[in-house]
Amino acid sequence: KNLTLLAGYQHGHDVAGRTGTPFSVFSHDIDLDGVKAG
C-alpha cells in the first residue's frame, strides 16, 4: 500500500441553448470524453 495506481474514464453530454427558446428550436450538442491515469 505504499503505491496506488489509478485509472478512469468519463463521458459527458451538454445541451446549450438560448433562454426563452425551446431546445427543439435552437440548441448545440456538446460531447466530452475524458481519461485519466495517476
PDB file of all heavy atoms in Angstrom:
ATOM      1  N   LYS A   1       0.810  -1.232   0.000  1.00  0.00           N
ATOM      2  CA  LYS A   1       0.000   0.000   0.000  1.00  0.00           C
ATOM      3  C   LYS A   1       0.839   1.275   0.000  1.00  0.00           C
ATOM      4  O   LYS A   1       0.309   2.356   0.271  1.00  0.00           O
ATOM      5  CB  LYS A   1      -0.978   0.015   1.170  1.00  0.00           C
ATOM      6  CG  LYS A   1      -2.024  -1.095   1.116  1.00  0.00           C
ATOM      7  CD  LYS A   1      -3.086  -0.916   2.179  1.00  0.00           C
ATOM      8  CE  LYS A   1      -4.167  -2.000   2.056  1.00  0.00           C
ATOM      9  NZ  LYS A   1      -5.238  -1.832   3.057  1.00  0.00           N
ATOM     10  N   ASN A   2       2.108   1.165  -0.333  1.00  0.00           N
ATOM     11  CA  ASN A   2       2.940   2.353  -0.472  1.00  0.00           C
ATOM     12  C   ASN A   2       2.833   2.970  -1.860  1.00  0.00           C
ATOM     13  O   ASN A   2       3.302   4.091  -2.077  1.00  0.00           O
ATOM     14  CB  ASN A   2       4.402   2.019  -0.183  1.00  0.00           C
ATOM     15  CG  ASN A   2       4.643   1.758   1.291  1.00  0.00           C
ATOM     16  OD1 ASN A   2       4.197   2.533   2.137  1.00  0.00           O
ATOM     17  ND2 ASN A   2       5.317   0.657   1.608  1.00  0.00           N
ATOM     18  N   LEU A   3       2.223   2.253  -2.780  1.00  0.00           N
ATOM     19  CA  LEU A   3       1.991   2.746  -4.140  1.00  0.00           C
ATOM     20  C   LEU A   3       0.569   2.391  -4.540  1.00  0.00           C
ATOM     21  O   LEU A   3       0.149   1.235  -4.406  1.00  0.00           O
ATOM     22  CB  LEU A   3       2.987   2.132  -5.121  1.00  0.00           C
ATOM     23  CG  LEU A   3       2.721   2.375  -6.603  1.00  0.00           C
ATOM     24  CD1 LEU A   3       2.823   3.861  -6.943  1.00  0.00           C
ATOM     25  CD2 LEU A   3       3.680   1.560  -7.473  1.00  0.00           C
ATOM     26  N   THR A   4      -0.186   3.382  -5.021  1.00  0.00           N
ATOM     27  CA  THR A   4      -1.541   3.155  -5.508  1.00  0.00           C
ATOM     28  C   THR A   4      -1.643   3.684  -6.929  1.00  0.00           C
ATOM     29  O   THR A   4      -1.327   4.850  -7.188  1.00  0.00           O
ATOM     30  CB  THR A   4      -2.586   3.859  -4.623  1.00  0.00           C
ATOM     31  OG1 THR A   4      -2.499   3.354  -3.286  1.00  0.00           O
ATOM     32  CG2 THR A   4      -3.992   3.613  -5.153  1.00  0.00           C
ATOM     33  N   LEU A   5      -2.065   2.835  -7.857  1.00  0.00           N
ATOM     34  CA  LEU A   5      -2.270   3.221  -9.246  1.00  0.00           C
ATOM     35  C   LEU A   5      -3.741   3.516  -9.476  1.00  0.00           C
ATOM     36  O   LEU A   5      -4.623   2.851  -8.913  1.00  0.00           O
ATOM     37  CB  LEU A   5      -1.805   2.113 -10.193  1.00  0.00           C
ATOM     38  CG  LEU A   5      -0.341   1.689 -10.065  1.00  0.00           C
ATOM     39  CD1 LEU A   5      -0.024   0.582 -11.074  1.00  0.00           C
ATOM     40  CD2 LEU A   5       0.597   2.868 -10.254  1.00  0.00           C
ATOM     41  N   LEU A   6      -4.030   4.507 -10.314  1.00  0.00           N
ATOM     42  CA  LEU A   6      -5.406   4.939 -10.571  1.00  0.00           C
ATOM     43  C   LEU A   6      -5.622   5.137 -12.062  1.00  0.00           C
ATOM     44  O   LEU A   6      -4.757   5.682 -12.760  1.00  0.00           O
ATOM     45  CB  LEU A   6      -5.687   6.255  -9.840  1.00  0.00           C
ATOM     46  CG  LEU A   6      -7.041   6.918 -10.089  1.00  0.00           C
ATOM     47  CD1 LEU A   6      -8.145   6.126  -9.393  1.00  0.00           C
ATOM     48  CD2 LEU A   6      -7.044   8.357  -9.601  1.00  0.00           C
ATOM     49  N   ALA A   7      -6.771   4.690 -12.576  1.00  0.00           N
ATOM     50  CA  ALA A   7      -7.137   4.919 -13.969  1.00  0.00           C
ATOM     51  C   ALA A   7      -8.644   5.105 -14.038  1.00  0.00           C
ATOM     52  O   ALA A   7      -9.397   4.525 -13.240  1.00  0.00           O
ATOM     53  CB  ALA A   7      -6.712   3.751 -14.858  1.00  0.00           C
ATOM     54  N   GLY A   8      -9.101   5.928 -14.990  1.00  0.00           N
ATOM     55  CA  GLY A   8     -10.532   6.174 -15.070  1.00  0.00           C
ATOM     56  C   GLY A   8     -10.972   6.725 -16.404  1.00  0.00           C
ATOM     57  O   GLY A   8     -10.154   7.118 -17.245  1.00  0.00           O
ATOM     58  N   TYR A   9     -12.288   6.742 -16.587  1.00  0.00           N
ATOM     59  CA  TYR A   9     -12.912   7.246 -17.815  1.00  0.00           C
ATOM     60  C   TYR A   9     -14.166   8.011 -17.447  1.00  0.00           C
ATOM     61  O   TYR A   9     -14.886   7.646 -16.509  1.00  0.00           O
ATOM     62  CB  TYR A   9     -13.267   6.096 -18.753  1.00  0.00           C
ATOM     63  CG  TYR A   9     -14.174   6.510 -19.901  1.00  0.00           C
ATOM     64  CD1 TYR A   9     -13.658   7.172 -21.017  1.00  0.00           C
ATOM     65  CD2 TYR A   9     -15.553   6.264 -19.853  1.00  0.00           C
ATOM     66  CE1 TYR A   9     -14.481   7.577 -22.055  1.00  0.00           C
ATOM     67  CE2 TYR A   9     -16.382   6.660 -20.895  1.00  0.00           C
ATOM     68  CZ  TYR A   9     -15.842   7.317 -21.986  1.00  0.00           C
ATOM     69  OH  TYR A   9     -16.670   7.721 -23.018  1.00  0.00           O
ATOM     70  N   GLN A  10     -14.431   9.101 -18.201  1.00  0.00           N
ATOM     71  CA  GLN A  10     -15.631   9.904 -18.009  1.00  0.00           C
ATOM     72  C   GLN A  10     -16.262  10.228 -19.354  1.00  0.00           C
ATOM     73  O   GLN A  10     -15.555  10.407 -20.354  1.00  0.00           O
ATOM     74  CB  GLN A  10     -15.277  11.234 -17.318  1.00  0.00           C
ATOM     75  CG  GLN A  10     -14.917  11.104 -15.854  1.00  0.00           C
ATOM     76  CD  GLN A  10     -16.141  11.100 -14.959  1.00  0.00           C
ATOM     77  OE1 GLN A  10     -17.260  11.287 -15.430  1.00  0.00           O
ATOM     78  NE2 GLN A  10     -15.935  10.898 -13.683  1.00  0.00           N
ATOM     79  N   HIS A  11     -17.577  10.327 -19.362  1.00  0.00           N
ATOM     80  CA  HIS A  11     -18.290  10.830 -20.549  1.00  0.00           C
ATOM     81  C   HIS A  11     -19.311  11.853 -20.093  1.00  0.00           C
ATOM     82  O   HIS A  11     -20.011  11.658 -19.086  1.00  0.00           O
ATOM     83  CB  HIS A  11     -19.003   9.716 -21.309  1.00  0.00           C
ATOM     84  CG  HIS A  11     -19.810  10.231 -22.470  1.00  0.00           C
ATOM     85  ND1 HIS A  11     -19.229  10.646 -23.651  1.00  0.00           N
ATOM     86  CD2 HIS A  11     -21.152  10.449 -22.620  1.00  0.00           C
ATOM     87  CE1 HIS A  11     -20.159  11.070 -24.477  1.00  0.00           C
ATOM     88  NE2 HIS A  11     -21.339  10.958 -23.874  1.00  0.00           N
ATOM     89  N   GLY A  12     -19.387  12.954 -20.838  1.00  0.00           N
ATOM     90  CA  GLY A  12     -20.357  13.991 -20.532  1.00  0.00           C
ATOM     91  C   GLY A  12     -21.090  14.442 -21.777  1.00  0.00           C
ATOM     92  O   GLY A  12     -20.570  14.343 -22.900  1.00  0.00           O
ATOM     93  N   HIS A  13     -22.292  14.934 -21.582  1.00  0.00           N
ATOM     94  CA  HIS A  13     -23.099  15.454 -22.694  1.00  0.00           C
ATOM     95  C   HIS A  13     -23.769  16.738 -22.237  1.00  0.00           C
ATOM     96  O   HIS A  13     -24.441  16.766 -21.200  1.00  0.00           O
ATOM     97  CB  HIS A  13     -24.148  14.440 -23.138  1.00  0.00           C
ATOM     98  CG  HIS A  13     -24.978  14.924 -24.299  1.00  0.00           C
ATOM     99  ND1 HIS A  13     -24.506  14.927 -25.589  1.00  0.00           N
ATOM    100  CD2 HIS A  13     -26.241  15.428 -24.356  1.00  0.00           C
ATOM    101  CE1 HIS A  13     -25.433  15.410 -26.398  1.00  0.00           C
ATOM    102  NE2 HIS A  13     -26.499  15.719 -25.674  1.00  0.00           N
ATOM    103  N   ASP A  14     -23.587  17.814 -22.998  1.00  0.00           N
ATOM    104  CA  ASP A  14     -24.182  19.110 -22.697  1.00  0.00           C
ATOM    105  C   ASP A  14     -25.102  19.525 -23.834  1.00  0.00           C
ATOM    106  O   ASP A  14     -24.866  19.179 -25.000  1.00  0.00           O
ATOM    107  CB  ASP A  14     -23.109  20.193 -22.527  1.00  0.00           C
ATOM    108  CG  ASP A  14     -22.165  19.902 -21.380  1.00  0.00           C
ATOM    109  OD1 ASP A  14     -22.405  18.926 -20.644  1.00  0.00           O
ATOM    110  OD2 ASP A  14     -21.183  20.652 -21.224  1.00  0.00           O
ATOM    111  N   VAL A  15     -26.122  20.279 -23.484  1.00  0.00           N
ATOM    112  CA  VAL A  15     -27.006  20.893 -24.473  1.00  0.00           C
ATOM    113  C   VAL A  15     -27.051  22.384 -24.168  1.00  0.00           C
ATOM    114  O   VAL A  15     -27.503  22.791 -23.091  1.00  0.00           O
ATOM    115  CB  VAL A  15     -28.425  20.296 -24.442  1.00  0.00           C
ATOM    116  CG1 VAL A  15     -29.297  20.957 -25.502  1.00  0.00           C
ATOM    117  CG2 VAL A  15     -28.378  18.791 -24.665  1.00  0.00           C
ATOM    118  N   ALA A  16     -26.562  23.201 -25.101  1.00  0.00           N
ATOM    119  CA  ALA A  16     -26.535  24.653 -24.926  1.00  0.00           C
ATOM    120  C   ALA A  16     -27.608  25.290 -25.792  1.00  0.00           C
ATOM    121  O   ALA A  16     -27.746  24.950 -26.979  1.00  0.00           O
ATOM    122  CB  ALA A  16     -25.159  25.208 -25.305  1.00  0.00           C
ATOM    123  N   GLY A  17     -28.364  26.215 -25.219  1.00  0.00           N
ATOM    124  CA  GLY A  17     -29.425  26.873 -25.985  1.00  0.00           C
ATOM    125  C   GLY A  17     -29.501  28.352 -25.650  1.00  0.00           C
ATOM    126  O   GLY A  17     -28.520  28.965 -25.227  1.00  0.00           O
ATOM    127  N   ARG A  18     -30.672  28.921 -25.837  1.00  0.00           N
ATOM    128  CA  ARG A  18     -30.937  30.323 -25.516  1.00  0.00           C
ATOM    129  C   ARG A  18     -32.101  30.403 -24.544  1.00  0.00           C
ATOM    130  O   ARG A  18     -33.088  29.678 -24.685  1.00  0.00           O
ATOM    131  CB  ARG A  18     -31.300  31.118 -26.779  1.00  0.00           C
ATOM    132  CG  ARG A  18     -30.141  31.430 -27.718  1.00  0.00           C
ATOM    133  CD  ARG A  18     -30.664  32.175 -28.934  1.00  0.00           C
ATOM    134  NE  ARG A  18     -29.605  32.610 -29.832  1.00  0.00           N
ATOM    135  CZ  ARG A  18     -28.980  33.772 -29.771  1.00  0.00           C
ATOM    136  NH1 ARG A  18     -29.329  34.633 -28.841  1.00  0.00           N
ATOM    137  NH2 ARG A  18     -28.039  34.091 -30.624  1.00  0.00           N
ATOM    138  N   THR A  19     -31.996  31.283 -23.563  1.00  0.00           N
ATOM    139  CA  THR A  19     -33.076  31.465 -22.602  1.00  0.00           C
ATOM    140  C   THR A  19     -34.348  31.928 -23.307  1.00  0.00           C
ATOM    141  O   THR A  19     -34.309  32.849 -24.123  1.00  0.00           O
ATOM    142  CB  THR A  19     -32.679  32.500 -21.539  1.00  0.00           C
ATOM    143  OG1 THR A  19     -31.532  32.022 -20.832  1.00  0.00           O
ATOM    144  CG2 THR A  19     -33.810  32.738 -20.566  1.00  0.00           C
ATOM    145  N   GLY A  20     -35.469  31.259 -23.002  1.00  0.00           N
ATOM    146  CA  GLY A  20     -36.744  31.612 -23.614  1.00  0.00           C
ATOM    147  C   GLY A  20     -36.996  30.933 -24.943  1.00  0.00           C
ATOM    148  O   GLY A  20     -38.077  31.088 -25.511  1.00  0.00           O
ATOM    149  N   THR A  21     -36.020  30.176 -25.443  1.00  0.00           N
ATOM    150  CA  THR A  21     -36.177  29.459 -26.711  1.00  0.00           C
ATOM    151  C   THR A  21     -36.095  27.963 -26.449  1.00  0.00           C
ATOM    152  O   THR A  21     -35.121  27.501 -25.850  1.00  0.00           O
ATOM    153  CB  THR A  21     -35.077  29.856 -27.711  1.00  0.00           C
ATOM    154  OG1 THR A  21     -35.124  31.263 -27.929  1.00  0.00           O
ATOM    155  CG2 THR A  21     -35.260  29.135 -29.038  1.00  0.00           C
ATOM    156  N   PRO A  22     -37.088  27.182 -26.865  1.00  0.00           N
ATOM    157  CA  PRO A  22     -37.036  25.731 -26.627  1.00  0.00           C
ATOM    158  C   PRO A  22     -35.795  25.120 -27.272  1.00  0.00           C
ATOM    159  O   PRO A  22     -35.337  25.567 -28.327  1.00  0.00           O
ATOM    160  CB  PRO A  22     -38.324  25.222 -27.289  1.00  0.00           C
ATOM    161  CG  PRO A  22     -39.225  26.412 -27.350  1.00  0.00           C
ATOM    162  CD  PRO A  22     -38.341  27.589 -27.553  1.00  0.00           C
ATOM    163  N   PHE A  23     -35.250  24.084 -26.642  1.00  0.00           N
ATOM    164  CA  PHE A  23     -34.102  23.395 -27.203  1.00  0.00           C
ATOM    165  C   PHE A  23     -34.423  22.805 -28.572  1.00  0.00           C
ATOM    166  O   PHE A  23     -33.527  22.634 -29.402  1.00  0.00           O
ATOM    167  CB  PHE A  23     -33.634  22.286 -26.260  1.00  0.00           C
ATOM    168  CG  PHE A  23     -32.926  22.791 -25.031  1.00  0.00           C
ATOM    169  CD1 PHE A  23     -33.321  22.367 -23.766  1.00  0.00           C
ATOM    170  CD2 PHE A  23     -31.873  23.680 -25.129  1.00  0.00           C
ATOM    171  CE1 PHE A  23     -32.663  22.825 -22.635  1.00  0.00           C
ATOM    172  CE2 PHE A  23     -31.208  24.154 -23.998  1.00  0.00           C
ATOM    173  CZ  PHE A  23     -31.611  23.717 -22.750  1.00  0.00           C
ATOM    174  N   SER A  24     -35.686  22.488 -28.821  1.00  0.00           N
ATOM    175  CA  SER A  24     -36.068  21.921 -30.118  1.00  0.00           C
ATOM    176  C   SER A  24     -35.943  22.945 -31.243  1.00  0.00           C
ATOM    177  O   SER A  24     -35.831  22.590 -32.412  1.00  0.00           O
ATOM    178  CB  SER A  24     -37.507  21.394 -30.059  1.00  0.00           C
ATOM    179  OG  SER A  24     -38.414  22.438 -29.714  1.00  0.00           O
ATOM    180  N   VAL A  25     -35.953  24.234 -30.883  1.00  0.00           N
ATOM    181  CA  VAL A  25     -35.825  25.294 -31.881  1.00  0.00           C
ATOM    182  C   VAL A  25     -34.368  25.685 -32.083  1.00  0.00           C
ATOM    183  O   VAL A  25     -33.904  25.872 -33.208  1.00  0.00           O
ATOM    184  CB  VAL A  25     -36.657  26.530 -31.471  1.00  0.00           C
ATOM    185  CG1 VAL A  25     -36.455  27.683 -32.456  1.00  0.00           C
ATOM    186  CG2 VAL A  25     -38.127  26.156 -31.366  1.00  0.00           C
ATOM    187  N   PHE A  26     -33.633  25.816 -30.957  1.00  0.00           N
ATOM    188  CA  PHE A  26     -32.213  26.165 -31.048  1.00  0.00           C
ATOM    189  C   PHE A  26     -31.444  25.460 -29.950  1.00  0.00           C
ATOM    190  O   PHE A  26     -31.790  25.584 -28.769  1.00  0.00           O
ATOM    191  CB  PHE A  26     -32.005  27.674 -30.918  1.00  0.00           C
ATOM    192  CG  PHE A  26     -30.554  28.072 -30.874  1.00  0.00           C
ATOM    193  CD1 PHE A  26     -29.843  28.282 -32.041  1.00  0.00           C
ATOM    194  CD2 PHE A  26     -29.891  28.218 -29.658  1.00  0.00           C
ATOM    195  CE1 PHE A  26     -28.501  28.632 -32.004  1.00  0.00           C
ATOM    196  CE2 PHE A  26     -28.557  28.568 -29.614  1.00  0.00           C
ATOM    197  CZ  PHE A  26     -27.852  28.772 -30.791  1.00  0.00           C
ATOM    198  N   SER A  27     -30.416  24.716 -30.315  1.00  0.00           N
ATOM    199  CA  SER A  27     -29.553  24.085 -29.324  1.00  0.00           C
ATOM    200  C   SER A  27     -28.285  23.581 -29.997  1.00  0.00           C
ATOM    201  O   SER A  27     -28.262  23.322 -31.205  1.00  0.00           O
ATOM    202  CB  SER A  27     -30.263  22.918 -28.624  1.00  0.00           C
ATOM    203  OG  SER A  27     -30.543  21.874 -29.534  1.00  0.00           O
ATOM    204  N   HIS A  28     -27.216  23.472 -29.203  1.00  0.00           N
ATOM    205  CA  HIS A  28     -25.962  22.877 -29.625  1.00  0.00           C
ATOM    206  C   HIS A  28     -25.664  21.693 -28.716  1.00  0.00           C
ATOM    207  O   HIS A  28     -25.675  21.837 -27.488  1.00  0.00           O
ATOM    208  CB  HIS A  28     -24.806  23.879 -29.545  1.00  0.00           C
ATOM    209  CG  HIS A  28     -24.897  24.989 -30.532  1.00  0.00           C
ATOM    210  ND1 HIS A  28     -24.255  26.204 -30.365  1.00  0.00           N
ATOM    211  CD2 HIS A  28     -25.551  25.081 -31.720  1.00  0.00           C
ATOM    212  CE1 HIS A  28     -24.506  26.993 -31.392  1.00  0.00           C
ATOM    213  NE2 HIS A  28     -25.301  26.334 -32.221  1.00  0.00           N
ATOM    214  N   ASP A  29     -25.389  20.538 -29.295  1.00  0.00           N
ATOM    215  CA  ASP A  29     -24.994  19.369 -28.514  1.00  0.00           C
ATOM    216  C   ASP A  29     -23.473  19.338 -28.389  1.00  0.00           C
ATOM    217  O   ASP A  29     -22.755  19.538 -29.377  1.00  0.00           O
ATOM    218  CB  ASP A  29     -25.482  18.083 -29.164  1.00  0.00           C
ATOM    219  CG  ASP A  29     -26.986  17.921 -29.069  1.00  0.00           C
ATOM    220  OD1 ASP A  29     -27.574  18.498 -28.137  1.00  0.00           O
ATOM    221  OD2 ASP A  29     -27.578  17.234 -29.921  1.00  0.00           O
ATOM    222  N   ILE A  30     -23.001  19.070 -27.186  1.00  0.00           N
ATOM    223  CA  ILE A  30     -21.564  19.024 -26.911  1.00  0.00           C
ATOM    224  C   ILE A  30     -21.264  17.717 -26.178  1.00  0.00           C
ATOM    225  O   ILE A  30     -21.869  17.428 -25.140  1.00  0.00           O
ATOM    226  CB  ILE A  30     -21.119  20.214 -26.041  1.00  0.00           C
ATOM    227  CG1 ILE A  30     -21.542  21.542 -26.689  1.00  0.00           C
ATOM    228  CG2 ILE A  30     -19.612  20.182 -25.809  1.00  0.00           C
ATOM    229  CD1 ILE A  30     -21.464  22.733 -25.752  1.00  0.00           C
ATOM    230  N   ASP A  31     -20.367  16.929 -26.723  1.00  0.00           N
ATOM    231  CA  ASP A  31     -19.961  15.670 -26.096  1.00  0.00           C
ATOM    232  C   ASP A  31     -18.529  15.785 -25.600  1.00  0.00           C
ATOM    233  O   ASP A  31     -17.665  16.375 -26.267  1.00  0.00           O
ATOM    234  CB  ASP A  31     -20.076  14.511 -27.081  1.00  0.00           C
ATOM    235  CG  ASP A  31     -21.520  14.137 -27.358  1.00  0.00           C
ATOM    236  OD1 ASP A  31     -22.213  13.729 -26.412  1.00  0.00           O
ATOM    237  OD2 ASP A  31     -21.956  14.273 -28.516  1.00  0.00           O
ATOM    238  N   LEU A  32     -18.293  15.215 -24.418  1.00  0.00           N
ATOM    239  CA  LEU A  32     -16.986  15.276 -23.797  1.00  0.00           C
ATOM    240  C   LEU A  32     -16.584  13.885 -23.318  1.00  0.00           C
ATOM    241  O   LEU A  32     -17.373  13.196 -22.663  1.00  0.00           O
ATOM    242  CB  LEU A  32     -16.990  16.231 -22.598  1.00  0.00           C
ATOM    243  CG  LEU A  32     -17.544  17.643 -22.815  1.00  0.00           C
ATOM    244  CD1 LEU A  32     -19.033  17.707 -22.440  1.00  0.00           C
ATOM    245  CD2 LEU A  32     -16.770  18.656 -21.975  1.00  0.00           C
ATOM    246  N   ASP A  33     -15.395  13.461 -23.679  1.00  0.00           N
ATOM    247  CA  ASP A  33     -14.853  12.194 -23.212  1.00  0.00           C
ATOM    248  C   ASP A  33     -13.515  12.467 -22.539  1.00  0.00           C
ATOM    249  O   ASP A  33     -12.672  13.192 -23.083  1.00  0.00           O
ATOM    250  CB  ASP A  33     -14.658  11.218 -24.375  1.00  0.00           C
ATOM    251  CG  ASP A  33     -15.979  10.735 -24.934  1.00  0.00           C
ATOM    252  OD1 ASP A  33     -16.585   9.840 -24.324  1.00  0.00           O
ATOM    253  OD2 ASP A  33     -16.408  11.266 -25.980  1.00  0.00           O
ATOM    254  N   GLY A  34     -13.321  11.889 -21.359  1.00  0.00           N
ATOM    255  CA  GLY A  34     -12.099  12.133 -20.612  1.00  0.00           C
ATOM    256  C   GLY A  34     -11.496  10.847 -20.085  1.00  0.00           C
ATOM    257  O   GLY A  34     -12.208   9.895 -19.733  1.00  0.00           O
ATOM    258  N   VAL A  35     -10.182  10.795 -20.058  1.00  0.00           N
ATOM    259  CA  VAL A  35      -9.449   9.669 -19.479  1.00  0.00           C
ATOM    260  C   VAL A  35      -8.418  10.227 -18.509  1.00  0.00           C
ATOM    261  O   VAL A  35      -7.976  11.373 -18.631  1.00  0.00           O
ATOM    262  CB  VAL A  35      -8.762   8.813 -20.555  1.00  0.00           C
ATOM    263  CG1 VAL A  35      -9.785   8.119 -21.426  1.00  0.00           C
ATOM    264  CG2 VAL A  35      -7.829   9.664 -21.417  1.00  0.00           C
ATOM    265  N   LYS A  36      -8.033   9.402 -17.547  1.00  0.00           N
ATOM    266  CA  LYS A  36      -7.026   9.821 -16.576  1.00  0.00           C
ATOM    267  C   LYS A  36      -6.244   8.609 -16.114  1.00  0.00           C
ATOM    268  O   LYS A  36      -6.715   7.468 -16.150  1.00  0.00           O
ATOM    269  CB  LYS A  36      -7.674  10.516 -15.385  1.00  0.00           C
ATOM    270  CG  LYS A  36      -8.598   9.600 -14.583  1.00  0.00           C
ATOM    271  CD  LYS A  36      -9.184  10.314 -13.389  1.00  0.00           C
ATOM    272  CE  LYS A  36     -10.169   9.400 -12.648  1.00  0.00           C
ATOM    273  NZ  LYS A  36     -10.758  10.052 -11.468  1.00  0.00           N
ATOM    274  N   ALA A  37      -5.026   8.867 -15.665  1.00  0.00           N
ATOM    275  CA  ALA A  37      -4.173   7.837 -15.095  1.00  0.00           C
ATOM    276  C   ALA A  37      -3.245   8.511 -14.108  1.00  0.00           C
ATOM    277  O   ALA A  37      -2.755   9.622 -14.353  1.00  0.00           O
ATOM    278  CB  ALA A  37      -3.370   7.117 -16.171  1.00  0.00           C
ATOM    279  N   GLY A  38      -3.020   7.863 -12.991  1.00  0.00           N
ATOM    280  CA  GLY A  38      -2.181   8.502 -11.985  1.00  0.00           C
ATOM    281  C   GLY A  38      -1.631   7.501 -10.996  1.00  0.00           C
ATOM    282  O   GLY A  38      -1.921   6.297 -11.044  1.00  0.00           O
TER     283      GLY A  38
END
